[in-house]
Amino acid sequence: MRKKLSVLMMISLLATMVLTGCGTNSSVKDAKVEVAEKETFRVGLEAGYAPFNWTQVDDSNGGIKIDGAAEFVGGYDVEIAKKIAEGLGRELVIVKTEWDGLVPALTSGKIDAIVAGMSPTAERKETIDFSENYYKSNLVMVVQKGGKYEDATSIQDFKGAKITAQLNTFHYSVVDQIQDVDKQPAMDNFPAMRVALESGMIDGYISERPEGISAETANKNFKMIEFRDGFDTSDEDTAIAVGVVKGSNLTEKINEILKAISEEEQEAIMDDAIKNQPAAE
């Protein structure tokens, strides 16, 4: 009986050890998965809004490889995203995403944040949360140099002009502030608007000052118009912030990181972005 009992006890002990071992492996596996999830900071941007973000062929000027692609991305947003990722202790991963797909990508968990020159408008705040601002800019008009509108000083100088802006941006909504404007259909992205302007399909497109500087730097046929009598906008329209999911625990951490970037440093980063943008942008 003692031998039989001992054998049974040994079998029981071995079973317990196996089960315990399985439990430990599972816990370790779960822990590794959790750590892996925390090691990356997945940022969505369109990579087509210089100098905020653009696509390039290599890692020059601090370019970051686009996830799942052979191309790289650079620009002001990328430099800010780097600082946030560093502050969070995570590896930055850039997910190239069409403008209209950014908010869905965020809410579905495909990305952790939007760092894409996005304004924290009231409409967007109904769906996602935003950090504090990481840049603020004014609206401008980009026109053909030497054209009919190159000497414009007021938005009302564009009466009858063919004007557009990017789809699903507040830029497009302010076109209506121009009296008797020939409002054109909104376009998907800035490269498309630059092509339309170059070809004469439009007389101008509305943008923000950094992109306007970028446009005339990249193309000698373009001119940026800054207005004395400009568009009526709110602070939230012209500000730019990081988009995160509702109730995200990243918001407070990101705000702390952004707070450490002074306005002078922001301008220096933007100046470098304008200088470093690819000529094709």
C-alpha atoms as a PDB file:
ATOM      1  CA  MET A   1       0.000   0.000   0.000  1.00  0.00           C
ATOM      2  CA  ARG A   2       2.823   2.391   0.820  1.00  0.00           C
ATOM      3  CA  LYS A   3       4.394   1.701  -2.598  1.00  0.00           C
ATOM      4  CA  LYS A   4       1.105   2.195  -4.393  1.00  0.00           C
ATOM      5  CA  LEU A   5       0.476   5.379  -2.477  1.00  0.00           C
ATOM      6  CA  SER A   6       3.953   6.677  -3.282  1.00  0.00           C
ATOM      7  CA  VAL A   7       3.462   6.001  -6.961  1.00  0.00           C
ATOM      8  CA  LEU A   8       0.133   7.794  -6.930  1.00  0.00           C
ATOM      9  CA  MET A   9       1.677  10.746  -5.107  1.00  0.00           C
ATOM     10  CA  MET A  10       4.507  10.911  -7.629  1.00  0.00           C
ATOM     11  CA  ILE A  11       2.054  10.889 -10.524  1.00  0.00           C
ATOM     12  CA  SER A  12       0.019  13.611  -8.856  1.00  0.00           C
ATOM     13  CA  LEU A  13       3.140  15.679  -8.220  1.00  0.00           C
ATOM     14  CA  LEU A  14       4.311  15.329 -11.800  1.00  0.00           C
ATOM     15  CA  ALA A  15       0.878  16.360 -13.104  1.00  0.00           C
ATOM     16  CA  THR A  16       0.933  19.402 -10.861  1.00  0.00           C
ATOM     17  CA  MET A  17       4.404  20.349 -12.082  1.00  0.00           C
ATOM     18  CA  VAL A  18       3.344  19.986 -15.730  1.00  0.00           C
ATOM     19  CA  LEU A  19       0.233  22.092 -15.178  1.00  0.00           C
ATOM     20  CA  THR A  20       2.189  24.692 -13.269  1.00  0.00           C
ATOM     21  CA  GLY A  21       4.819  24.743 -15.987  1.00  0.00           C
ATOM     22  CA  CYS A  22       2.142  25.272 -18.630  1.00  0.00           C
ATOM     23  CA  GLY A  23       0.672  28.101 -16.623  1.00  0.00           C
ATOM     24  CA  THR A  24       4.065  29.746 -16.258  1.00  0.00           C
ATOM     25  CA  ASN A  25       4.809  29.470 -19.971  1.00  0.00           C
ATOM     26  CA  SER A  26       1.418  30.967 -20.776  1.00  0.00           C
ATOM     27  CA  SER A  27       2.000  33.845 -18.374  1.00  0.00           C
ATOM     28  CA  VAL A  28       5.444  34.486 -19.802  1.00  0.00           C
ATOM     29  CA  LYS A  29       4.025  34.361 -23.309  1.00  0.00           C
ATOM     30  CA  ASP A  30       1.271  36.817 -22.385  1.00  0.00           C
ATOM     31  CA  ALA A  31       3.810  39.091 -20.742  1.00  0.00           C
ATOM     32  CA  LYS A  32       6.002  39.011 -23.851  1.00  0.00           C
ATOM     33  CA  VAL A  33       3.015  39.896 -26.035  1.00  0.00           C
ATOM     34  CA  GLU A  34       2.139  42.784 -23.735  1.00  0.00           C
ATOM     35  CA  VAL A  35       5.733  44.052 -23.785  1.00  0.00           C
ATOM     36  CA  ALA A  36       5.858  43.721 -27.562  1.00  0.00           C
ATOM     37  CA  GLU A  37       2.692  45.763 -27.902  1.00  0.00           C
ATOM     38  CA  LYS A  38       4.192  48.497 -25.762  1.00  0.00           C
ATOM     39  CA  GLU A  39       7.486  48.595 -27.670  1.00  0.00           C
ATOM     40  CA  THR A  40       6.054  50.410 -30.704  1.00  0.00           C
ATOM     41  CA  PHE A  41       4.286  53.724 -31.229  1.00  0.00           C
ATOM     42  CA  ARG A  42       2.314  53.415 -34.465  1.00  0.00           C
ATOM     43  CA  VAL A  43       1.687  56.799 -36.068  1.00  0.00           C
ATOM     44  CA  GLY A  44      -0.577  57.438 -39.052  1.00  0.00           C
ATOM     45  CA  LEU A  45       0.023  60.176 -41.628  1.00  0.00           C
ATOM     46  CA  GLU A  46      -0.551  60.577 -45.364  1.00  0.00           C
ATOM     47  CA  ALA A  47       3.083  61.270 -46.357  1.00  0.00           C
ATOM     48  CA  GLY A  48       1.983  63.856 -48.915  1.00  0.00           C
ATOM     49  CA  TYR A  49       1.636  67.185 -47.084  1.00  0.00           C
ATOM     50  CA  ALA A  50       5.053  68.834 -47.202  1.00  0.00           C
ATOM     51  CA  PRO A  51       6.588  70.254 -45.116  1.00  0.00           C
ATOM     52  CA  PHE A  52       4.529  68.466 -42.454  1.00  0.00           C
ATOM     53  CA  ASN A  53       5.071  65.046 -44.030  1.00  0.00           C
ATOM     54  CA  TRP A  54       6.260  63.674 -47.349  1.00  0.00           C
ATOM     55  CA  THR A  55       7.429  60.481 -49.053  1.00  0.00           C
ATOM     56  CA  GLN A  56      11.111  60.018 -49.945  1.00  0.00           C
ATOM     57  CA  VAL A  57      13.300  57.228 -51.322  1.00  0.00           C
ATOM     58  CA  ASP A  58      15.814  56.877 -48.482  1.00  0.00           C
ATOM     59  CA  ASP A  59      16.517  57.729 -44.846  1.00  0.00           C
ATOM     60  CA  SER A  60      18.249  61.045 -45.539  1.00  0.00           C
ATOM     61  CA  ASN A  61      17.487  64.005 -43.282  1.00  0.00           C
ATOM     62  CA  GLY A  62      16.106  61.730 -40.584  1.00  0.00           C
ATOM     63  CA  GLY A  63      13.628  59.859 -42.797  1.00  0.00           C
ATOM     64  CA  ILE A  64      11.764  56.906 -41.254  1.00  0.00           C
ATOM     65  CA  LYS A  65      10.876  53.763 -43.221  1.00  0.00           C
ATOM     66  CA  ILE A  66       7.164  53.410 -43.909  1.00  0.00           C
ATOM     67  CA  ASP A  67       5.713  50.254 -42.405  1.00  0.00           C
ATOM     68  CA  GLY A  68       5.338  47.551 -45.059  1.00  0.00           C
ATOM     69  CA  ALA A  69       6.842  49.687 -47.845  1.00  0.00           C
ATOM     70  CA  ALA A  70      10.219  50.360 -49.434  1.00  0.00           C
ATOM     71  CA  GLU A  71       9.753  54.127 -49.120  1.00  0.00           C
ATOM     72  CA  PHE A  72      10.576  56.486 -46.281  1.00  0.00           C
ATOM     73  CA  VAL A  73       8.792  59.477 -44.797  1.00  0.00           C
ATOM     74  CA  GLY A  74      10.168  62.767 -43.526  1.00  0.00           C
ATOM     75  CA  GLY A  75       8.935  66.164 -42.405  1.00  0.00           C
ATOM     76  CA  TYR A  76       7.841  68.200 -39.415  1.00  0.00           C
ATOM     77  CA  ASP A  77       5.283  65.649 -38.220  1.00  0.00           C
ATOM     78  CA  VAL A  78       7.890  62.896 -38.338  1.00  0.00           C
ATOM     79  CA  GLU A  79      10.310  64.884 -36.172  1.00  0.00           C
ATOM     80  CA  ILE A  80       7.553  65.554 -33.624  1.00  0.00           C
ATOM     81  CA  ALA A  81       6.534  61.881 -33.709  1.00  0.00           C
ATOM     82  CA  LYS A  82      10.154  60.914 -33.005  1.00  0.00           C
ATOM     83  CA  LYS A  83      10.211  63.086 -29.901  1.00  0.00           C
ATOM     84  CA  ILE A  84       6.927  61.612 -28.673  1.00  0.00           C
ATOM     85  CA  ALA A  85       8.070  58.038 -29.282  1.00  0.00           C
ATOM     86  CA  GLU A  86      11.347  58.716 -27.479  1.00  0.00           C
ATOM     87  CA  GLY A  87       9.499  60.258 -24.544  1.00  0.00           C
ATOM     88  CA  LEU A  88       7.207  57.230 -24.373  1.00  0.00           C
ATOM     89  CA  GLY A  89      10.149  54.840 -24.560  1.00  0.00           C
ATOM     90  CA  ARG A  90       8.786  53.207 -27.722  1.00  0.00           C
ATOM     91  CA  GLU A  91       9.992  52.517 -31.244  1.00  0.00           C
ATOM     92  CA  LEU A  92       8.367  54.763 -33.850  1.00  0.00           C
ATOM     93  CA  VAL A  93       6.475  52.989 -36.635  1.00  0.00           C
ATOM     94  CA  ILE A  94       5.020  55.076 -39.464  1.00  0.00           C
ATOM     95  CA  VAL A  95       1.839  53.793 -41.126  1.00  0.00           C
ATOM     96  CA  LYS A  96       1.147  55.613 -44.398  1.00  0.00           C
ATOM     97  CA  THR A  97      -2.602  56.276 -44.510  1.00  0.00           C
ATOM     98  CA  GLU A  98      -4.856  58.300 -46.788  1.00  0.00           C
ATOM     99  CA  TRP A  99      -6.264  61.417 -45.120  1.00  0.00           C
ATOM    100  CA  ASP A 100      -9.832  60.099 -45.023  1.00  0.00           C
ATOM    101  CA  GLY A 101      -8.598  56.865 -43.495  1.00  0.00           C
ATOM    102  CA  LEU A 102      -6.685  58.353 -40.565  1.00  0.00           C
ATOM    103  CA  VAL A 103      -9.525  58.596 -38.044  1.00  0.00           C
ATOM    104  CA  PRO A 104     -10.906  55.116 -38.913  1.00  0.00           C
ATOM    105  CA  ALA A 105      -7.382  53.690 -38.611  1.00  0.00           C
ATOM    106  CA  LEU A 106      -7.085  55.244 -35.157  1.00  0.00           C
ATOM    107  CA  THR A 107     -10.465  54.152 -33.837  1.00  0.00           C
ATOM    108  CA  SER A 108      -9.964  50.617 -35.168  1.00  0.00           C
ATOM    109  CA  GLY A 109      -6.604  50.254 -33.398  1.00  0.00           C
ATOM    110  CA  LYS A 110      -4.486  50.086 -36.551  1.00  0.00           C
ATOM    111  CA  ILE A 111      -2.495  53.075 -35.303  1.00  0.00           C
ATOM    112  CA  ASP A 112      -1.848  54.564 -31.860  1.00  0.00           C
ATOM    113  CA  ALA A 113      -1.940  58.216 -32.886  1.00  0.00           C
ATOM    114  CA  ILE A 114      -2.414  60.631 -35.760  1.00  0.00           C
ATOM    115  CA  VAL A 115       0.493  63.047 -36.244  1.00  0.00           C
ATOM    116  CA  ALA A 116      -0.439  64.464 -39.623  1.00  0.00           C
ATOM    117  CA  GLY A 117      -0.953  68.216 -39.494  1.00  0.00           C
ATOM    118  CA  MET A 118      -4.496  67.639 -38.249  1.00  0.00           C
ATOM    119  CA  SER A 119      -6.504  70.425 -36.623  1.00  0.00           C
ATOM    120  CA  PRO A 120      -8.478  69.593 -33.447  1.00  0.00           C
ATOM    121  CA  THR A 121     -11.841  70.782 -34.764  1.00  0.00           C
ATOM    122  CA  ALA A 122     -15.054  70.417 -32.784  1.00  0.00           C
ATOM    123  CA  GLU A 123     -16.371  67.920 -35.321  1.00  0.00           C
ATOM    124  CA  ARG A 124     -13.316  65.672 -34.990  1.00  0.00           C
ATOM    125  CA  LYS A 125     -13.434  65.934 -31.204  1.00  0.00           C
ATOM    126  CA  GLU A 126     -16.778  64.157 -31.291  1.00  0.00           C
ATOM    127  CA  THR A 127     -14.942  61.030 -32.492  1.00  0.00           C
ATOM    128  CA  ILE A 128     -11.396  61.248 -31.121  1.00  0.00           C
ATOM    129  CA  ASP A 129      -9.369  63.127 -28.507  1.00  0.00           C
ATOM    130  CA  PHE A 130      -6.490  65.506 -29.146  1.00  0.00           C
ATOM    131  CA  SER A 131      -3.298  66.503 -27.397  1.00  0.00           C
ATOM    132  CA  GLU A 132      -2.219  70.069 -26.803  1.00  0.00           C
ATOM    133  CA  ASN A 133      -1.150  71.895 -29.980  1.00  0.00           C
ATOM    134  CA  TYR A 134       2.249  71.216 -31.494  1.00  0.00           C
ATOM    135  CA  TYR A 135       2.027  73.928 -34.172  1.00  0.00           C
ATOM    136  CA  LYS A 136      -0.152  76.867 -35.182  1.00  0.00           C
ATOM    137  CA  SER A 137      -0.324  78.434 -38.604  1.00  0.00           C
ATOM    138  CA  ASN A 138      -2.292  80.863 -40.772  1.00  0.00           C
ATOM    139  CA  LEU A 139      -4.228  80.197 -43.969  1.00  0.00           C
ATOM    140  CA  VAL A 140      -2.748  81.277 -47.296  1.00  0.00           C
ATOM    141  CA  MET A 141      -3.545  80.890 -50.990  1.00  0.00           C
ATOM    142  CA  VAL A 142      -1.159  79.243 -53.449  1.00  0.00           C
ATOM    143  CA  VAL A 143      -1.394  80.666 -57.000  1.00  0.00           C
ATOM    144  CA  GLN A 144       0.616  80.746 -60.212  1.00  0.00           C
ATOM    145  CA  LYS A 145       3.533  83.147 -60.162  1.00  0.00           C
ATOM    146  CA  GLY A 146       3.035  85.815 -62.814  1.00  0.00           C
ATOM    147  CA  GLY A 147      -0.647  84.989 -63.028  1.00  0.00           C
ATOM    148  CA  LYS A 148      -3.774  87.069 -62.574  1.00  0.00           C
ATOM    149  CA  TYR A 149      -3.852  86.688 -58.790  1.00  0.00           C
ATOM    150  CA  GLU A 150      -0.202  87.003 -57.771  1.00  0.00           C
ATOM    151  CA  ASP A 151      -0.717  90.521 -56.367  1.00  0.00           C
ATOM    152  CA  ALA A 152      -3.836  89.696 -54.350  1.00  0.00           C
ATOM    153  CA  THR A 153      -3.916  91.067 -50.801  1.00  0.00           C
ATOM    154  CA  SER A 154      -7.476  90.158 -49.790  1.00  0.00           C
ATOM    155  CA  ILE A 155      -9.460  86.972 -50.132  1.00  0.00           C
ATOM    156  CA  GLN A 156     -12.082  89.054 -51.967  1.00  0.00           C
ATOM    157  CA  ASP A 157      -9.558  89.641 -54.746  1.00  0.00           C
ATOM    158  CA  PHE A 158     -10.385  86.062 -55.756  1.00  0.00           C
ATOM    159  CA  LYS A 159     -13.949  86.898 -56.807  1.00  0.00           C
ATOM    160  CA  GLY A 160     -14.787  84.627 -59.749  1.00  0.00           C
ATOM    161  CA  ALA A 161     -11.587  82.601 -59.341  1.00  0.00           C
ATOM    162  CA  LYS A 162     -11.516  78.799 -59.492  1.00  0.00           C
ATOM    163  CA  ILE A 163     -10.520  77.875 -55.943  1.00  0.00           C
ATOM    164  CA  THR A 164     -10.328  74.551 -54.126  1.00  0.00           C
ATOM    165  CA  ALA A 165      -8.822  72.908 -51.039  1.00  0.00           C
ATOM    166  CA  GLN A 166      -8.278  69.442 -49.630  1.00  0.00           C
ATOM    167  CA  LEU A 167     -11.242  67.153 -49.102  1.00  0.00           C
ATOM    168  CA  ASN A 168     -12.587  66.895 -45.542  1.00  0.00           C
ATOM    169  CA  THR A 169     -10.565  69.814 -44.189  1.00  0.00           C
ATOM    170  CA  PHE A 170     -11.706  73.135 -42.791  1.00  0.00           C
ATOM    171  CA  HIS A 171      -9.663  74.716 -45.616  1.00  0.00           C
ATOM    172  CA  TYR A 172     -12.414  73.730 -48.027  1.00  0.00           C
ATOM    173  CA  SER A 173     -15.188  75.143 -45.869  1.00  0.00           C
ATOM    174  CA  VAL A 174     -13.673  78.649 -45.878  1.00  0.00           C
ATOM    175  CA  VAL A 175     -13.714  78.862 -49.686  1.00  0.00           C
ATOM    176  CA  ASP A 176     -17.297  80.100 -49.278  1.00  0.00           C
ATOM    177  CA  GLN A 177     -16.026  83.234 -47.518  1.00  0.00           C
ATOM    178  CA  ILE A 178     -14.882  84.512 -50.932  1.00  0.00           C
ATOM    179  CA  GLN A 179     -17.720  86.387 -52.621  1.00  0.00           C
ATOM    180  CA  ASP A 180     -18.856  84.932 -55.971  1.00  0.00           C
ATOM    181  CA  VAL A 181     -16.009  82.417 -55.958  1.00  0.00           C
ATOM    182  CA  ASP A 182     -16.017  79.616 -58.537  1.00  0.00           C
ATOM    183  CA  LYS A 183     -15.712  76.869 -55.950  1.00  0.00           C
ATOM    184  CA  GLN A 184     -14.138  73.746 -57.429  1.00  0.00           C
ATOM    185  CA  PRO A 185     -14.570  70.181 -56.145  1.00  0.00           C
ATOM    186  CA  ALA A 186     -12.335  69.359 -53.186  1.00  0.00           C
ATOM    187  CA  MET A 187      -9.231  67.314 -53.988  1.00  0.00           C
ATOM    188  CA  ASP A 188      -7.810  64.290 -52.188  1.00  0.00           C
ATOM    189  CA  ASN A 189      -4.324  65.615 -51.496  1.00  0.00           C
ATOM    190  CA  PHE A 190      -1.855  68.449 -51.992  1.00  0.00           C
ATOM    191  CA  PRO A 191       0.197  66.869 -54.793  1.00  0.00           C
ATOM    192  CA  ALA A 192      -3.040  66.660 -56.811  1.00  0.00           C
ATOM    193  CA  MET A 193      -3.800  70.342 -56.144  1.00  0.00           C
ATOM    194  CA  ARG A 194      -0.309  71.363 -57.186  1.00  0.00           C
ATOM    195  CA  VAL A 195      -0.718  69.498 -60.473  1.00  0.00           C
ATOM    196  CA  ALA A 196      -4.127  71.151 -61.011  1.00  0.00           C
ATOM    197  CA  LEU A 197      -2.645  74.590 -60.337  1.00  0.00           C
ATOM    198  CA  GLU A 198       0.320  73.991 -62.648  1.00  0.00           C
ATOM    199  CA  SER A 199      -2.007  72.913 -65.461  1.00  0.00           C
ATOM    200  CA  GLY A 200      -4.402  75.857 -65.020  1.00  0.00           C
ATOM    201  CA  MET A 201      -7.363  73.712 -63.947  1.00  0.00           C
ATOM    202  CA  ILE A 202      -7.626  75.923 -60.846  1.00  0.00           C
ATOM    203  CA  ASP A 203      -6.541  79.485 -60.062  1.00  0.00           C
ATOM    204  CA  GLY A 204      -5.489  78.715 -56.512  1.00  0.00           C
ATOM    205  CA  TYR A 205      -5.820  76.411 -53.546  1.00  0.00           C
ATOM    206  CA  ILE A 206      -6.127  77.206 -49.864  1.00  0.00           C
ATOM    207  CA  SER A 207      -3.429  75.906 -47.572  1.00  0.00           C
ATOM    208  CA  GLU A 208      -1.464  76.688 -44.426  1.00  0.00           C
ATOM    209  CA  ARG A 209       1.637  78.857 -44.434  1.00  0.00           C
ATOM    210  CA  PRO A 210       4.228  76.043 -44.082  1.00  0.00           C
ATOM    211  CA  GLU A 211       2.746  74.150 -47.038  1.00  0.00           C
ATOM    212  CA  GLY A 212       2.564  77.388 -49.008  1.00  0.00           C
ATOM    213  CA  ILE A 213       6.248  78.058 -48.408  1.00  0.00           C
ATOM    214  CA  SER A 214       6.924  74.456 -49.336  1.00  0.00           C
ATOM    215  CA  ALA A 215       4.977  74.810 -52.594  1.00  0.00           C
ATOM    216  CA  GLU A 216       6.785  77.912 -53.814  1.00  0.00           C
ATOM    217  CA  THR A 217      10.138  76.465 -52.698  1.00  0.00           C
ATOM    218  CA  ALA A 218       9.519  73.269 -54.655  1.00  0.00           C
ATOM    219  CA  ASN A 219       8.106  74.972 -57.772  1.00  0.00           C
ATOM    220  CA  LYS A 220       9.340  78.342 -59.080  1.00  0.00           C
ATOM    221  CA  ASN A 221       6.007  78.784 -60.889  1.00  0.00           C
ATOM    222  CA  PHE A 222       4.056  78.968 -57.618  1.00  0.00           C
ATOM    223  CA  LYS A 223       3.552  81.896 -55.270  1.00  0.00           C
ATOM    224  CA  MET A 224       2.103  81.946 -51.760  1.00  0.00           C
ATOM    225  CA  ILE A 225      -0.307  84.774 -50.958  1.00  0.00           C
ATOM    226  CA  GLU A 226      -0.501  85.971 -47.347  1.00  0.00           C
ATOM    227  CA  PHE A 227      -3.512  88.164 -46.646  1.00  0.00           C
ATOM    228  CA  ARG A 228      -4.001  91.450 -44.833  1.00  0.00           C
ATOM    229  CA  ASP A 229      -7.730  90.779 -45.087  1.00  0.00           C
ATOM    230  CA  GLY A 230      -7.816  87.016 -44.691  1.00  0.00           C
ATOM    231  CA  PHE A 231     -10.129  84.161 -43.792  1.00  0.00           C
ATOM    232  CA  ASP A 232     -12.198  84.144 -40.630  1.00  0.00           C
ATOM    233  CA  THR A 233     -10.907  81.182 -38.627  1.00  0.00           C
ATOM    234  CA  SER A 234     -10.846  79.993 -35.036  1.00  0.00           C
ATOM    235  CA  ASP A 235      -7.810  79.003 -32.992  1.00  0.00           C
ATOM    236  CA  GLU A 236      -8.784  75.338 -33.170  1.00  0.00           C
ATOM    237  CA  ASP A 237      -8.900  75.535 -36.967  1.00  0.00           C
ATOM    238  CA  THR A 238      -5.359  76.819 -37.391  1.00  0.00           C
ATOM    239  CA  ALA A 239      -3.808  74.769 -34.589  1.00  0.00           C
ATOM    240  CA  ILE A 240      -2.352  71.294 -35.102  1.00  0.00           C
ATOM    241  CA  ALA A 241      -2.476  68.519 -32.509  1.00  0.00           C
ATOM    242  CA  VAL A 242      -1.954  64.787 -32.051  1.00  0.00           C
ATOM    243  CA  GLY A 243      -5.078  62.665 -32.465  1.00  0.00           C
ATOM    244  CA  VAL A 244      -5.645  59.758 -30.045  1.00  0.00           C
ATOM    245  CA  VAL A 245      -8.575  57.493 -29.240  1.00  0.00           C
ATOM    246  CA  LYS A 246     -11.203  58.686 -26.784  1.00  0.00           C
ATOM    247  CA  GLY A 247     -10.043  58.347 -23.191  1.00  0.00           C
ATOM    248  CA  SER A 248      -6.518  57.289 -24.182  1.00  0.00           C
ATOM    249  CA  ASN A 249      -3.957  57.107 -21.398  1.00  0.00           C
ATOM    250  CA  LEU A 250      -1.421  58.433 -23.916  1.00  0.00           C
ATOM    251  CA  THR A 251      -2.905  61.932 -23.970  1.00  0.00           C
ATOM    252  CA  GLU A 252      -1.393  63.136 -20.703  1.00  0.00           C
ATOM    253  CA  LYS A 253       2.003  61.607 -21.501  1.00  0.00           C
ATOM    254  CA  ILE A 254       2.055  63.151 -24.977  1.00  0.00           C
ATOM    255  CA  ASN A 255       1.110  66.553 -23.555  1.00  0.00           C
ATOM    256  CA  GLU A 256       4.058  66.384 -21.144  1.00  0.00           C
ATOM    257  CA  ILE A 257       6.408  65.632 -24.037  1.00  0.00           C
ATOM    258  CA  LEU A 258       5.000  68.389 -26.258  1.00  0.00           C
ATOM    259  CA  LYS A 259       5.186  70.903 -23.433  1.00  0.00           C
ATOM    260  CA  ALA A 260       8.958  70.487 -23.433  1.00  0.00           C
ATOM    261  CA  ILE A 261       9.195  71.613 -27.093  1.00  0.00           C
ATOM    262  CA  SER A 262       9.388  75.411 -27.121  1.00  0.00           C
ATOM    263  CA  GLU A 263       7.903  77.586 -29.879  1.00  0.00           C
ATOM    264  CA  GLU A 264      11.443  78.473 -30.932  1.00  0.00           C
ATOM    265  CA  GLU A 265      12.292  74.791 -31.321  1.00  0.00           C
ATOM    266  CA  GLN A 266       9.059  74.215 -33.258  1.00  0.00           C
ATOM    267  CA  GLU A 267      10.002  76.965 -35.704  1.00  0.00           C
ATOM    268  CA  ALA A 268      13.543  75.574 -36.044  1.00  0.00           C
ATOM    269  CA  ILE A 269      12.167  72.102 -36.816  1.00  0.00           C
ATOM    270  CA  MET A 270       9.741  73.581 -39.348  1.00  0.00           C
ATOM    271  CA  ASP A 271      12.507  75.628 -41.028  1.00  0.00           C
ATOM    272  CA  ASP A 272      14.574  72.446 -41.405  1.00  0.00           C
ATOM    273  CA  ALA A 273      11.579  70.569 -42.800  1.00  0.00           C
ATOM    274  CA  ILE A 274      11.008  73.250 -45.431  1.00  0.00           C
ATOM    275  CA  LYS A 275      14.698  73.201 -46.345  1.00  0.00           C
ATOM    276  CA  ASN A 276      14.907  69.388 -46.485  1.00  0.00           C
ATOM    277  CA  GLN A 277      11.731  68.612 -48.418  1.00  0.00           C
ATOM    278  CA  PRO A 278      12.276  66.733 -51.709  1.00  0.00           C
ATOM    279  CA  ALA A 279      12.186  68.964 -54.796  1.00  0.00           C
ATOM    280  CA  ALA A 280       9.419  66.786 -56.255  1.00  0.00           C
ATOM    281  CA  GLU A 281       7.020  67.639 -53.441  1.00  0.00           C
END
